[in-house]
């Protein structure tokens, strides 16, 4: 069947969509958690309120991505989990700690609230760093060497900075007054760190990966790849210029930095995808080698075509309902 030949493309596309949406949506709320001030309760409450209606649902996309990997590409799932078992465990610990801290900070005595703010901040930092570390190891093809470990650690730092950047841009859009001014300052600082990180990856990745170097320097692939880092780096410069002029009268354009950050994430993700496709594990396994049997994929596709639109619909609806500036945090 013609459909059978396209099933691996369909499922890797769905998995890529889930990973990208997770990185953007949970990325900003992890960034807000990392930026959480520990000595200013009112600002911390405002920041928590800005992500309160969304943060839990954002993690649905991580579950979807892992589920698609497990069902559609089981051999790749087995290899990835074996190589990343320990950092994945630490990431889950950070996410669990965030969830516990989010609820407990609203229910404990006032004197203990700061402890749960620290837990929320630490959980956000741990989860973000581990996601970056796992991305670095994945790009290196799970190579066990000092070079790979250093790259993975730098990747962990870079992803953490990227989440802080998009988190600060989210706060610019959702807050007002002093906290918004602080968020503008955070966005400018972390934006430059991200700029350096993206530039470093563009320079280093082809040098340490022969397959990536060949793809980046061979026509016609080079024509599609080189505009991606160029546009990404230009967006950082544009965002910096926008941030220098904010806030504008009547808070006009407060959403612009977040949209620029969103497109930066999109272009960076495209750069990685184009560099390694059709490998699902760089240098080790393609999507065709890892894919489940066509009969299984056809059966799973029916469920995916129902579930994915439902998740997209309720995500869009929740953002529509809770759109606008954040107000005083209330628990009922």
Protein backbone atom coordinates (compact mmCIF):
# COMPACT_ATOMS: atom_id res chain seq x y z
CA UNK A 1 0.00 0.00 0.00
CA UNK A 2 1.11 3.56 -0.71
CA UNK A 3 0.15 4.54 2.84
CA UNK A 4 2.52 1.96 4.35
CA UNK A 5 5.54 3.63 2.72
CA UNK A 6 4.57 6.98 4.23
CA UNK A 7 3.70 5.80 7.77
CA UNK A 8 7.23 6.33 9.19
CA UNK A 9 7.17 9.90 7.83
CA UNK A 10 3.74 10.53 9.36
CA UNK A 11 4.72 9.28 12.80
CA UNK A 12 8.09 11.01 12.93
CA UNK A 13 6.24 14.18 11.91
CA UNK A 14 3.73 13.75 14.74
CA UNK A 15 6.53 13.04 17.19
CA UNK A 16 8.45 16.08 15.98
CA UNK A 17 5.34 18.24 16.41
CA UNK A 18 4.88 16.98 19.97
CA UNK A 19 8.52 17.66 20.88
CA UNK A 20 8.46 21.15 19.35
CA UNK A 21 5.20 22.16 21.05
CA UNK A 22 6.48 20.76 24.36
CA UNK A 23 9.76 22.67 24.08
CA UNK A 24 7.86 25.93 23.49
CA UNK A 25 4.99 25.53 25.96
CA UNK A 26 6.66 23.71 28.82
CA UNK A 27 9.85 25.59 27.99
CA UNK A 28 8.38 28.94 28.97
CA UNK A 29 6.86 27.65 32.22
CA UNK A 30 10.12 25.91 33.16
CA UNK A 31 11.85 29.22 32.43
CA UNK A 32 9.42 31.08 34.68
CA UNK A 33 10.20 28.56 37.42
CA UNK A 34 13.95 29.08 37.05
CA UNK A 35 13.52 32.87 37.18
CA UNK A 36 11.27 32.70 40.26
CA UNK A 37 12.50 35.23 42.87
CA UNK A 38 13.04 33.75 46.32
CA UNK A 39 12.90 36.99 48.30
CA UNK A 40 9.87 38.67 46.79
CA UNK A 41 6.66 36.80 47.52
CA UNK A 42 4.36 39.11 45.54
CA UNK A 43 6.40 38.78 42.35
CA UNK A 44 6.68 35.02 42.85
CA UNK A 45 2.88 34.79 43.19
CA UNK A 46 2.40 36.79 39.99
CA UNK A 47 4.82 34.59 38.10
CA UNK A 48 3.18 31.41 39.37
CA UNK A 49 -0.24 32.82 38.44
CA UNK A 50 0.96 33.49 34.88
CA UNK A 51 1.60 29.78 34.29
CA UNK A 52 -0.99 28.34 36.68
CA UNK A 53 -3.70 27.46 34.13
CA UNK A 54 -1.25 26.00 31.61
CA UNK A 55 1.81 24.31 33.08
CA UNK A 56 0.28 20.92 33.85
CA UNK A 57 -1.38 20.58 30.43
CA UNK A 58 1.85 21.64 28.72
CA UNK A 59 3.49 18.42 29.91
CA UNK A 60 0.90 16.41 27.94
CA UNK A 61 3.05 16.98 24.87
CA UNK A 62 6.03 15.27 26.51
CA UNK A 63 3.89 12.24 27.30
CA UNK A 64 2.62 12.21 23.71
CA UNK A 65 6.13 12.40 22.23
CA UNK A 66 7.45 9.56 24.41
CA UNK A 67 4.32 7.50 23.72
CA UNK A 68 4.72 7.90 19.95
CA UNK A 69 8.40 6.96 20.18
CA UNK A 70 7.56 3.85 22.21
CA UNK A 71 4.72 2.67 19.98
CA UNK A 72 5.86 3.71 16.49
CA UNK A 73 9.66 3.31 16.88
CA UNK A 74 10.14 0.72 19.67
CA UNK A 75 13.75 -0.20 18.87
CA UNK A 76 14.75 3.49 18.94
CA UNK A 77 12.84 3.93 22.23
CA UNK A 78 14.77 1.00 23.72
CA UNK A 79 18.13 2.43 22.64
CA UNK A 80 17.35 5.99 23.76
CA UNK A 81 16.01 4.87 27.15
CA UNK A 82 19.02 2.62 27.74
CA UNK A 83 21.46 5.45 27.01
CA UNK A 84 19.53 8.19 28.84
CA UNK A 85 18.05 6.24 31.75
CA UNK A 86 19.85 8.19 34.49
CA UNK A 87 19.36 11.76 33.16
CA UNK A 88 15.73 10.90 32.29
CA UNK A 89 15.22 9.81 35.91
CA UNK A 90 16.63 13.11 37.17
CA UNK A 91 14.41 15.00 34.72
CA UNK A 92 11.32 13.19 35.99
CA UNK A 93 12.36 13.91 39.57
CA UNK A 94 12.55 17.61 38.70
CA UNK A 95 9.13 17.57 37.05
CA UNK A 96 7.58 15.73 40.02
CA UNK A 97 9.19 18.15 42.45
CA UNK A 98 7.71 21.06 40.48
CA UNK A 99 4.23 19.57 40.66
CA UNK A 100 4.43 18.92 44.39
CA UNK A 101 5.89 22.36 45.12
CA UNK A 102 3.25 24.11 43.00
CA UNK A 103 0.43 22.69 45.12
CA UNK A 104 2.12 22.74 48.52
CA UNK A 105 3.22 26.38 48.32
CA UNK A 106 -0.47 27.36 48.39
CA UNK A 107 -1.37 25.18 51.36
CA UNK A 108 1.48 25.38 53.87
CA UNK A 109 1.99 28.00 56.54
CA UNK A 110 3.31 31.34 55.33
CA UNK A 111 6.68 30.73 57.00
CA UNK A 112 7.21 27.58 54.94
CA UNK A 113 6.09 28.94 51.59
CA UNK A 114 9.60 30.07 50.69
CA UNK A 115 10.87 26.49 51.03
CA UNK A 116 8.43 25.29 48.40
CA UNK A 117 9.38 28.20 46.15
CA UNK A 118 12.96 26.95 46.37
CA UNK A 119 11.78 23.45 45.52
CA UNK A 120 9.83 24.73 42.51
CA UNK A 121 12.84 26.69 41.30
CA UNK A 122 15.22 23.76 41.80
CA UNK A 123 12.84 21.32 40.10
CA UNK A 124 12.52 23.66 37.11
CA UNK A 125 16.29 24.05 36.87
CA UNK A 126 16.95 20.32 37.19
CA UNK A 127 14.36 19.34 34.57
CA UNK A 128 15.59 22.00 32.12
CA UNK A 129 19.26 21.13 32.49
CA UNK A 130 18.60 17.40 32.11
CA UNK A 131 16.57 17.97 28.95
CA UNK A 132 19.47 19.94 27.48
CA UNK A 133 21.97 17.30 28.59
CA UNK A 134 19.90 14.55 26.95
CA UNK A 135 19.64 16.61 23.75
CA UNK A 136 23.43 16.99 23.69
CA UNK A 137 24.00 13.27 24.16
CA UNK A 138 21.43 12.52 21.46
CA UNK A 139 23.15 14.86 18.98
CA UNK A 140 26.46 13.15 19.76
CA UNK A 141 24.90 9.76 18.95
CA UNK A 142 25.28 8.68 22.61
CA UNK A 143 29.04 8.64 22.22
CA UNK A 144 30.85 7.88 25.48
CA UNK A 145 33.78 10.28 25.45
CA UNK A 146 34.99 13.41 27.19
CA UNK A 147 34.12 15.45 24.11
CA UNK A 148 30.54 14.17 24.14
CA UNK A 149 30.13 14.81 27.87
CA UNK A 150 31.41 18.38 27.57
CA UNK A 151 29.09 19.03 24.62
CA UNK A 152 26.13 17.58 26.56
CA UNK A 153 26.88 19.73 29.62
CA UNK A 154 27.11 22.86 27.45
CA UNK A 155 23.87 21.81 25.76
CA UNK A 156 22.24 21.54 29.19
CA UNK A 157 23.33 25.06 30.03
CA UNK A 158 22.17 26.34 26.63
CA UNK A 159 18.69 24.80 26.85
CA UNK A 160 18.31 26.16 30.38
CA UNK A 161 19.17 29.65 29.10
CA UNK A 162 16.74 29.21 26.18
CA UNK A 163 13.92 28.29 28.56
CA UNK A 164 14.74 31.34 30.70
CA UNK A 165 14.65 33.48 27.56
CA UNK A 166 11.23 32.30 26.38
CA UNK A 167 9.99 32.35 30.01
CA UNK A 168 11.02 35.99 30.37
CA UNK A 169 9.29 36.81 27.07
CA UNK A 170 6.15 35.11 28.39
CA UNK A 171 6.27 37.29 31.51
CA UNK A 172 6.63 40.43 29.36
CA UNK A 173 3.40 39.46 27.63
CA UNK A 174 1.50 38.42 30.78
CA UNK A 175 2.60 40.96 33.43
CA UNK A 176 2.75 44.70 34.00
CA UNK A 177 4.73 47.27 35.95
CA UNK A 178 7.86 46.40 37.89
CA UNK A 179 7.74 42.69 37.17
CA UNK A 180 7.43 43.35 33.44
CA UNK A 181 10.47 45.65 33.60
CA UNK A 182 12.38 42.88 35.36
CA UNK A 183 11.28 40.38 32.72
CA UNK A 184 12.56 42.68 29.96
CA UNK A 185 15.94 42.75 31.71
CA UNK A 186 15.95 38.94 32.01
CA UNK A 187 15.01 38.53 28.35
CA UNK A 188 17.83 40.78 27.17
CA UNK A 189 20.45 38.97 29.26
CA UNK A 190 19.35 35.43 28.47
CA UNK A 191 18.74 36.32 24.82
CA UNK A 192 22.41 37.07 24.29
CA UNK A 193 23.40 33.83 26.05
CA UNK A 194 21.09 31.94 23.68
CA UNK A 195 22.55 33.82 20.70
CA UNK A 196 26.05 32.66 21.65
CA UNK A 197 24.76 29.12 22.26
CA UNK A 198 23.05 28.83 18.87
CA UNK A 199 26.09 30.29 17.12
CA UNK A 200 28.36 27.82 18.93
CA UNK A 201 26.18 24.84 17.94
CA UNK A 202 26.16 26.01 14.31
CA UNK A 203 29.97 26.13 14.33
CA UNK A 204 30.77 23.09 16.47
CA UNK A 205 28.16 20.55 15.39
CA UNK A 206 29.44 20.17 11.79
CA UNK A 207 33.02 19.93 13.08
CA UNK A 208 32.32 17.04 15.46
CA UNK A 209 29.87 15.19 13.20
CA UNK A 210 31.10 14.22 9.75
CA UNK A 211 27.61 13.38 8.49
CA UNK A 212 26.31 16.82 9.50
CA UNK A 213 29.32 18.50 7.87
CA UNK A 214 28.65 16.62 4.63
CA UNK A 215 24.98 17.60 4.65
CA UNK A 216 25.74 21.25 5.47
CA UNK A 217 28.24 21.52 2.61
CA UNK A 218 26.55 19.43 -0.07
CA UNK A 219 24.00 20.72 -2.57
CA UNK A 220 21.01 20.82 -2.51
CA UNK A 221 20.85 20.27 1.29
CA UNK A 222 23.06 23.29 1.99
CA UNK A 223 20.54 25.58 0.27
CA UNK A 224 17.88 24.52 2.78
CA UNK A 225 20.09 24.39 5.88
CA UNK A 226 22.16 27.59 5.82
CA UNK A 227 19.19 30.01 5.82
CA UNK A 228 17.95 28.42 9.07
CA UNK A 229 20.81 29.55 11.40
CA UNK A 230 21.02 32.88 9.56
CA UNK A 231 17.34 33.65 10.17
CA UNK A 232 17.58 32.41 13.77
CA UNK A 233 20.50 34.71 14.59
CA UNK A 234 18.77 37.65 12.86
CA UNK A 235 15.69 37.05 15.03
CA UNK A 236 17.86 37.39 18.16
CA UNK A 237 19.09 40.78 16.94
CA UNK A 238 15.55 41.90 16.12
CA UNK A 239 14.33 40.75 19.54
CA UNK A 240 17.10 42.68 21.27
CA UNK A 241 16.12 45.85 19.41
CA UNK A 242 12.47 45.32 20.33
CA UNK A 243 13.32 44.78 23.99
CA UNK A 244 15.39 48.00 24.09
CA UNK A 245 12.24 49.97 23.25
CA UNK A 246 9.91 48.25 25.69
CA UNK A 247 7.55 48.81 27.36
CA UNK A 248 5.68 50.89 24.78
CA UNK A 249 2.71 53.15 25.43
CA UNK A 250 -0.39 51.22 26.52
CA UNK A 251 1.81 48.10 26.58
CA UNK A 252 1.54 47.83 22.80
CA UNK A 253 3.42 44.92 21.26
CA UNK A 254 4.03 43.15 24.57
CA UNK A 255 3.45 39.86 22.72
CA UNK A 256 6.15 40.48 20.10
CA UNK A 257 9.18 39.13 22.08
CA UNK A 258 7.35 35.89 22.85
CA UNK A 259 6.41 35.40 19.20
CA UNK A 260 10.03 36.04 18.16
CA UNK A 261 11.22 33.51 20.76
CA UNK A 262 8.66 31.02 19.43
CA UNK A 263 10.02 31.37 15.88
CA UNK A 264 13.60 31.04 17.14
CA UNK A 265 12.65 27.71 18.75
CA UNK A 266 10.94 26.68 15.51
CA UNK A 267 13.96 27.46 13.32
CA UNK A 268 16.41 25.80 15.71
CA UNK A 269 14.26 22.68 15.75
CA UNK A 270 14.11 22.71 11.95
CA UNK A 271 17.90 22.98 11.84
CA UNK A 272 18.31 19.85 13.95
CA UNK A 273 15.66 17.95 12.01
CA UNK A 274 17.14 18.76 8.59
CA UNK A 275 20.66 17.96 9.82
CA UNK A 276 19.85 14.41 10.95
CA UNK A 277 16.80 13.26 8.98
CA UNK A 278 16.05 10.38 8.29
CA UNK A 279 18.06 9.19 11.31
CA UNK A 280 15.98 8.85 14.44
CA UNK A 281 19.16 8.08 16.40
CA UNK A 282 22.03 10.02 14.77
CA UNK A 283 24.49 7.72 13.02
CA UNK A 284 22.86 4.55 14.36
CA UNK A 285 19.27 4.07 13.24
CA UNK A 286 16.90 5.50 10.64
CA UNK A 287 13.14 5.91 11.00
CA UNK A 288 12.66 3.04 8.54
CA UNK A 289 14.83 0.65 10.55
CA UNK A 290 13.14 1.60 13.83
CA UNK A 291 9.52 1.70 12.66
CA UNK A 292 6.95 -0.84 13.84
CA UNK A 293 5.23 -3.19 11.41
CA UNK A 294 2.91 -1.44 8.91
CA UNK A 295 -0.16 -3.20 10.36
CA UNK A 296 0.67 -1.85 13.81
CA UNK A 297 1.30 1.66 12.48
CA UNK A 298 -1.99 1.71 10.58
CA UNK A 299 -3.86 0.70 13.73
CA UNK A 300 -2.06 3.31 15.84
CA UNK A 301 -2.65 6.00 13.22
CA UNK A 302 -6.41 5.83 13.79
CA UNK A 303 -5.93 6.67 17.47
CA UNK A 304 -3.35 9.35 16.73
CA UNK A 305 -5.70 11.10 14.29
CA UNK A 306 -8.28 11.31 17.09
CA UNK A 307 -6.04 12.12 20.05
CA UNK A 308 -3.71 14.73 18.53
CA UNK A 309 -6.49 17.07 17.27
CA UNK A 310 -8.20 16.77 20.67
CA UNK A 311 -5.01 17.81 22.46
CA UNK A 312 -4.51 20.69 20.03
CA UNK A 313 -8.12 21.80 20.52
CA UNK A 314 -8.11 21.86 24.32
CA UNK A 315 -4.67 23.50 24.35
CA UNK A 316 -5.92 26.28 22.08
CA UNK A 317 -9.12 26.62 24.11
CA UNK A 318 -7.28 26.91 27.44
CA UNK A 319 -5.03 29.66 26.09
CA UNK A 320 -8.05 31.49 24.70
CA UNK A 321 -9.92 31.31 28.02
CA UNK A 322 -6.97 32.48 30.14
CA UNK A 323 -5.61 35.04 27.66
CA UNK A 324 -4.66 38.50 28.90
CA UNK A 325 -2.67 39.96 31.76
CA UNK A 326 -2.22 37.98 34.94
CA UNK A 327 -4.10 39.10 38.01
CA UNK A 328 -3.75 38.37 41.72
CA UNK A 329 -3.10 34.69 42.41
CA UNK A 330 -6.12 33.02 44.01
CA UNK A 331 -6.75 29.46 45.13
CA UNK A 332 -10.27 28.15 45.51
